[in-house]
Amino acid sequence: MKESYLEAIKLIERLHRQFLEVVKTELDRNGIEDINNVQALILFNIGSDELTVGELTNRGYYLGSNVSYNVRKMVENGYLIQERSPHDRRSIRVRLSEKGLALCNNVAAMFERHASDLGKGISNPQELQQAAESYRTLERYWADLLDFRGRSPLS
């Protein structure tokens, strides 16, 4: 079990880095130089929503990156519109600008191409669902470890 667990961890790390490189290549292919791959994924995950920076952080998609810094850069480069909440003046809400929506659509089209390619015999939905369930199992296990402050939830 230990070997399988360690292999899964290595694969997750490697796949994450490789996926970010795929997104970076897509940005380069489209001549987009004023945003990085992590920022492009933040835009994609915001989509048509209007969120606070805190909500972005709480969604947990951006661990290891500074969400506030990335939001500031995306506002500066015209991908996000930032406004104070009319209900709570301390809260700042963000939404995609037209430029951000265009990039979001570009990333969505990339995912469509990937799904189409995978469907041409590289993989099938059942295999991807099984992989996703394995990732969810690890996610729940690690979340339980954090809830138990490092103690195994099984002990």
Protein backbone atom coordinates (compact mmCIF):
# COMPACT_ATOMS: atom_id res chain seq x y z
CA MET A 1 0.00 0.00 0.00
CA LYS A 2 2.85 2.38 0.86
CA GLU A 3 4.36 2.13 -2.63
CA SER A 4 1.00 2.77 -4.29
CA TYR A 5 0.33 5.72 -2.01
CA LEU A 6 3.74 7.28 -2.71
CA GLU A 7 3.32 6.73 -6.45
CA ALA A 8 -0.09 8.42 -6.35
CA ILE A 9 1.38 11.45 -4.54
CA LYS A 10 4.20 11.74 -7.08
CA LEU A 11 1.74 11.48 -9.96
CA ILE A 12 -0.54 14.14 -8.47
CA GLU A 13 2.39 16.55 -8.13
CA ARG A 14 3.70 15.80 -11.63
CA LEU A 15 0.24 16.01 -13.23
CA HIS A 16 -0.44 19.36 -11.57
CA ARG A 17 2.83 20.84 -12.88
CA GLN A 18 2.23 19.35 -16.32
CA PHE A 19 -1.34 20.69 -16.43
CA LEU A 20 -0.12 24.19 -15.56
CA GLU A 21 2.41 23.89 -18.39
CA VAL A 22 -0.41 22.90 -20.79
CA VAL A 23 -2.33 26.04 -19.79
CA LYS A 24 0.83 28.14 -20.21
CA THR A 25 1.37 26.68 -23.69
CA GLU A 26 -2.22 27.60 -24.62
CA LEU A 27 -1.65 31.16 -23.45
CA ASP A 28 1.61 31.35 -25.44
CA ARG A 29 -0.06 29.89 -28.53
CA ASN A 30 -2.63 32.69 -28.36
CA GLY A 31 -0.02 35.40 -27.78
CA ILE A 32 -1.28 36.15 -24.28
CA GLU A 33 1.64 37.41 -22.22
CA ASP A 34 0.01 39.62 -19.57
CA ILE A 35 -1.42 36.79 -17.45
CA ASN A 36 0.02 33.56 -16.11
CA ASN A 37 -1.44 30.06 -16.06
CA VAL A 38 -2.61 30.19 -12.43
CA GLN A 39 -4.35 33.51 -13.06
CA ALA A 40 -6.04 32.11 -16.18
CA LEU A 41 -7.41 29.23 -14.10
CA ILE A 42 -8.65 31.64 -11.42
CA LEU A 43 -10.53 33.52 -14.17
CA PHE A 44 -11.98 30.27 -15.49
CA ASN A 45 -13.17 29.26 -12.01
CA ILE A 46 -14.75 32.67 -11.40
CA GLY A 47 -16.61 32.41 -14.72
CA SER A 48 -19.81 34.43 -14.62
CA ASP A 49 -19.82 34.71 -10.80
CA GLU A 50 -19.11 37.79 -8.74
CA LEU A 51 -17.03 36.87 -5.70
CA THR A 52 -15.04 38.37 -2.87
CA VAL A 53 -11.32 37.64 -2.60
CA GLY A 54 -12.15 35.71 0.56
CA GLU A 55 -14.58 33.50 -1.34
CA LEU A 56 -11.87 32.76 -3.91
CA THR A 57 -9.50 31.76 -1.13
CA ASN A 58 -12.13 29.68 0.67
CA ARG A 59 -12.84 27.68 -2.48
CA GLY A 60 -9.34 26.32 -2.03
CA TYR A 61 -8.36 26.21 -5.70
CA TYR A 62 -5.36 28.44 -5.27
CA LEU A 63 -3.27 27.04 -2.47
CA GLY A 64 0.36 27.95 -2.96
CA SER A 65 -0.44 31.13 -4.76
CA ASN A 66 -1.18 34.54 -3.39
CA VAL A 67 -4.78 35.22 -4.36
CA SER A 68 -4.65 38.91 -3.44
CA TYR A 69 -1.53 39.44 -5.57
CA ASN A 70 -3.06 37.57 -8.50
CA VAL A 71 -6.32 39.51 -8.24
CA ARG A 72 -4.41 42.80 -8.19
CA LYS A 73 -2.41 41.81 -11.30
CA MET A 74 -5.56 40.71 -13.14
CA VAL A 75 -7.27 44.01 -12.28
CA GLU A 76 -4.19 45.93 -13.49
CA ASN A 77 -4.16 43.97 -16.76
CA GLY A 78 -7.88 44.44 -17.36
CA TYR A 79 -9.11 40.88 -16.79
CA LEU A 80 -11.07 41.59 -13.61
CA ILE A 81 -13.31 44.39 -12.43
CA GLN A 82 -13.01 45.11 -8.73
CA GLU A 83 -15.74 46.95 -6.81
CA ARG A 84 -16.66 47.54 -3.18
CA SER A 85 -19.74 45.65 -2.10
CA PRO A 86 -22.71 47.99 -1.73
CA HIS A 87 -23.85 45.96 1.31
CA ASP A 88 -20.52 45.77 3.14
CA ARG A 89 -18.10 48.56 2.24
CA ARG A 90 -15.20 46.55 3.72
CA SER A 91 -15.75 43.74 1.21
CA ILE A 92 -14.35 43.93 -2.32
CA ARG A 93 -16.06 41.93 -5.06
CA VAL A 94 -14.50 40.87 -8.36
CA ARG A 95 -16.00 39.81 -11.67
CA LEU A 96 -14.61 39.20 -15.13
CA SER A 97 -14.27 42.08 -17.57
CA GLU A 98 -14.90 41.57 -21.28
CA LYS A 99 -11.20 40.74 -21.66
CA GLY A 100 -11.49 38.26 -18.78
CA LEU A 101 -14.61 36.67 -20.28
CA ALA A 102 -12.81 36.27 -23.61
CA LEU A 103 -9.92 34.48 -21.91
CA CYS A 104 -12.35 32.37 -19.86
CA ASN A 105 -14.00 31.29 -23.12
CA ASN A 106 -10.58 30.48 -24.57
CA VAL A 107 -9.77 28.22 -21.60
CA ALA A 108 -13.22 26.59 -21.85
CA ALA A 109 -12.57 25.88 -25.55
CA MET A 110 -9.21 24.33 -24.62
CA PHE A 111 -10.97 22.02 -22.15
CA GLU A 112 -13.52 21.09 -24.84
CA ARG A 113 -10.67 20.16 -27.21
CA HIS A 114 -9.02 18.09 -24.49
CA ALA A 115 -12.26 16.26 -23.70
CA SER A 116 -12.84 15.59 -27.38
CA ASP A 117 -9.30 14.27 -27.83
CA LEU A 118 -9.61 12.04 -24.78
CA GLY A 119 -12.89 10.69 -26.11
CA LYS A 120 -11.16 9.53 -29.30
CA GLY A 121 -9.85 6.38 -27.69
CA ILE A 122 -7.28 7.81 -25.28
CA SER A 123 -9.60 7.36 -22.33
CA ASN A 124 -13.26 6.92 -21.52
CA PRO A 125 -15.61 8.62 -19.07
CA GLN A 126 -15.61 5.65 -16.71
CA GLU A 127 -11.82 5.70 -16.35
CA LEU A 128 -11.81 9.43 -15.65
CA GLN A 129 -14.67 9.04 -13.14
CA GLN A 130 -12.76 6.27 -11.39
CA ALA A 131 -9.63 8.45 -11.22
CA ALA A 132 -11.68 11.38 -9.88
CA GLU A 133 -13.18 9.16 -7.19
CA SER A 134 -9.67 8.09 -6.14
CA TYR A 135 -8.66 11.76 -5.90
CA ARG A 136 -11.77 12.51 -3.82
CA THR A 137 -10.90 9.61 -1.50
CA LEU A 138 -7.42 11.04 -0.95
CA GLU A 139 -8.88 14.53 -0.49
CA ARG A 140 -11.27 13.27 2.21
CA TYR A 141 -8.50 11.31 3.93
CA TRP A 142 -6.15 14.30 3.98
CA ALA A 143 -8.95 16.61 5.16
CA ASP A 144 -9.69 14.15 7.96
CA LEU A 145 -6.00 14.15 8.94
CA LEU A 146 -6.14 17.93 9.18
CA ASP A 147 -9.33 17.79 11.23
CA PHE A 148 -7.67 15.36 13.63
CA ARG A 149 -4.54 17.59 13.77
CA GLY A 150 -2.22 15.06 12.19
CA ARG A 151 -3.57 11.96 13.96
CA SER A 152 -4.94 9.26 11.76
CA PRO A 153 -8.75 9.43 11.67
CA LEU A 154 -8.72 5.63 11.86
CA SER A 155 -6.87 5.43 15.20
